[in-house]
């Protein structure tokens, strides 16, 4: 099973790299597959942003992930 996690692009760096915010974690990902700007949300899978999301979709999905982790006791 594969899963992609929503993240907000907070910085775009040289080499088509971006710093994204997952909520409690910031990480560098590749932006080769999508055309995004700072402040936009993307789905991240294995270190690549694979799809752009609306801000509403990104925040809603992030909240769903938080609820699942909370229910799991994580």
C-alpha atoms as a PDB file:
ATOM      1  CA  UNK A   1       0.000   0.000   0.000  1.00  0.00           C
ATOM      2  CA  UNK A   2       1.245   3.476  -0.844  1.00  0.00           C
ATOM      3  CA  UNK A   3       0.362   6.671   0.925  1.00  0.00           C
ATOM      4  CA  UNK A   4       0.960  10.339   0.153  1.00  0.00           C
ATOM      5  CA  UNK A   5       0.932  12.942   2.915  1.00  0.00           C
ATOM      6  CA  UNK A   6      -0.177  16.576   2.544  1.00  0.00           C
ATOM      7  CA  UNK A   7       2.383  19.293   3.226  1.00  0.00           C
ATOM      8  CA  UNK A   8       2.654  23.043   2.775  1.00  0.00           C
ATOM      9  CA  UNK A   9       5.524  24.403   0.685  1.00  0.00           C
ATOM     10  CA  UNK A  10       7.326  26.932   2.875  1.00  0.00           C
ATOM     11  CA  UNK A  11      10.480  27.499   0.823  1.00  0.00           C
ATOM     12  CA  UNK A  12      11.682  26.738  -2.688  1.00  0.00           C
ATOM     13  CA  UNK A  13      15.411  26.096  -2.978  1.00  0.00           C
ATOM     14  CA  UNK A  14      17.889  25.678  -5.823  1.00  0.00           C
ATOM     15  CA  UNK A  15      17.851  22.412  -7.702  1.00  0.00           C
ATOM     16  CA  UNK A  16      14.062  22.099  -7.650  1.00  0.00           C
ATOM     17  CA  UNK A  17      14.028  21.299  -3.951  1.00  0.00           C
ATOM     18  CA  UNK A  18      11.422  22.544  -1.548  1.00  0.00           C
ATOM     19  CA  UNK A  19      11.147  22.727   2.207  1.00  0.00           C
ATOM     20  CA  UNK A  20       7.682  21.554   3.208  1.00  0.00           C
ATOM     21  CA  UNK A  21       5.792  21.555   6.489  1.00  0.00           C
ATOM     22  CA  UNK A  22       3.817  18.461   7.469  1.00  0.00           C
ATOM     23  CA  UNK A  23       2.437  20.130  10.593  1.00  0.00           C
ATOM     24  CA  UNK A  24       4.912  18.937  13.229  1.00  0.00           C
ATOM     25  CA  UNK A  25       7.796  18.218  10.877  1.00  0.00           C
ATOM     26  CA  UNK A  26       9.621  20.089   8.138  1.00  0.00           C
ATOM     27  CA  UNK A  27      11.439  18.168   5.429  1.00  0.00           C
ATOM     28  CA  UNK A  28      13.125  18.781   2.091  1.00  0.00           C
ATOM     29  CA  UNK A  29      11.378  17.202  -0.927  1.00  0.00           C
ATOM     30  CA  UNK A  30      11.805  17.182  -4.699  1.00  0.00           C
ATOM     31  CA  UNK A  31       9.507  19.471  -6.703  1.00  0.00           C
ATOM     32  CA  UNK A  32      10.314  18.048 -10.156  1.00  0.00           C
ATOM     33  CA  UNK A  33       6.816  16.679 -10.791  1.00  0.00           C
ATOM     34  CA  UNK A  34       4.686  19.699  -9.876  1.00  0.00           C
ATOM     35  CA  UNK A  35       4.680  23.431 -10.476  1.00  0.00           C
ATOM     36  CA  UNK A  36       4.094  25.020  -7.066  1.00  0.00           C
ATOM     37  CA  UNK A  37       4.616  28.253  -5.189  1.00  0.00           C
ATOM     38  CA  UNK A  38       5.374  28.965  -1.556  1.00  0.00           C
ATOM     39  CA  UNK A  39       2.195  28.641   0.500  1.00  0.00           C
ATOM     40  CA  UNK A  40       0.611  25.969  -1.683  1.00  0.00           C
ATOM     41  CA  UNK A  41      -0.116  22.441  -0.506  1.00  0.00           C
ATOM     42  CA  UNK A  42       1.198  19.289  -2.160  1.00  0.00           C
ATOM     43  CA  UNK A  43       0.897  15.551  -1.657  1.00  0.00           C
ATOM     44  CA  UNK A  44       4.308  14.058  -0.846  1.00  0.00           C
ATOM     45  CA  UNK A  45       5.198  10.443  -1.606  1.00  0.00           C
ATOM     46  CA  UNK A  46       8.687   8.986  -1.042  1.00  0.00           C
ATOM     47  CA  UNK A  47      10.330  12.413  -1.043  1.00  0.00           C
ATOM     48  CA  UNK A  48       8.570  13.800  -4.136  1.00  0.00           C
ATOM     49  CA  UNK A  49       5.710  16.269  -4.335  1.00  0.00           C
ATOM     50  CA  UNK A  50       3.371  14.417  -6.699  1.00  0.00           C
ATOM     51  CA  UNK A  51       0.245  16.583  -6.795  1.00  0.00           C
ATOM     52  CA  UNK A  52      -0.871  20.078  -5.868  1.00  0.00           C
ATOM     53  CA  UNK A  53      -3.809  20.475  -3.452  1.00  0.00           C
ATOM     54  CA  UNK A  54      -6.022  23.392  -2.582  1.00  0.00           C
ATOM     55  CA  UNK A  55      -5.318  24.896   0.826  1.00  0.00           C
ATOM     56  CA  UNK A  56      -8.684  23.590   2.025  1.00  0.00           C
ATOM     57  CA  UNK A  57      -7.924  20.020   0.864  1.00  0.00           C
ATOM     58  CA  UNK A  58      -4.459  20.134   2.414  1.00  0.00           C
ATOM     59  CA  UNK A  59      -5.653  21.329   5.806  1.00  0.00           C
ATOM     60  CA  UNK A  60      -8.624  18.937   5.833  1.00  0.00           C
ATOM     61  CA  UNK A  61      -6.472  15.930   4.944  1.00  0.00           C
ATOM     62  CA  UNK A  62      -3.821  16.928   7.488  1.00  0.00           C
ATOM     63  CA  UNK A  63      -6.531  17.044  10.169  1.00  0.00           C
ATOM     64  CA  UNK A  64      -7.773  13.582   9.165  1.00  0.00           C
ATOM     65  CA  UNK A  65      -4.236  12.200   9.500  1.00  0.00           C
ATOM     66  CA  UNK A  66      -3.945  13.808  12.946  1.00  0.00           C
ATOM     67  CA  UNK A  67      -7.219  12.192  14.054  1.00  0.00           C
ATOM     68  CA  UNK A  68      -6.127   8.759  12.814  1.00  0.00           C
ATOM     69  CA  UNK A  69      -2.778   8.998  14.632  1.00  0.00           C
ATOM     70  CA  UNK A  70      -4.534  10.178  17.778  1.00  0.00           C
ATOM     71  CA  UNK A  71      -6.986   7.251  17.629  1.00  0.00           C
ATOM     72  CA  UNK A  72      -4.035   4.874  17.219  1.00  0.00           C
ATOM     73  CA  UNK A  73      -2.433   6.297  20.351  1.00  0.00           C
ATOM     74  CA  UNK A  74       0.571   7.677  18.464  1.00  0.00           C
END
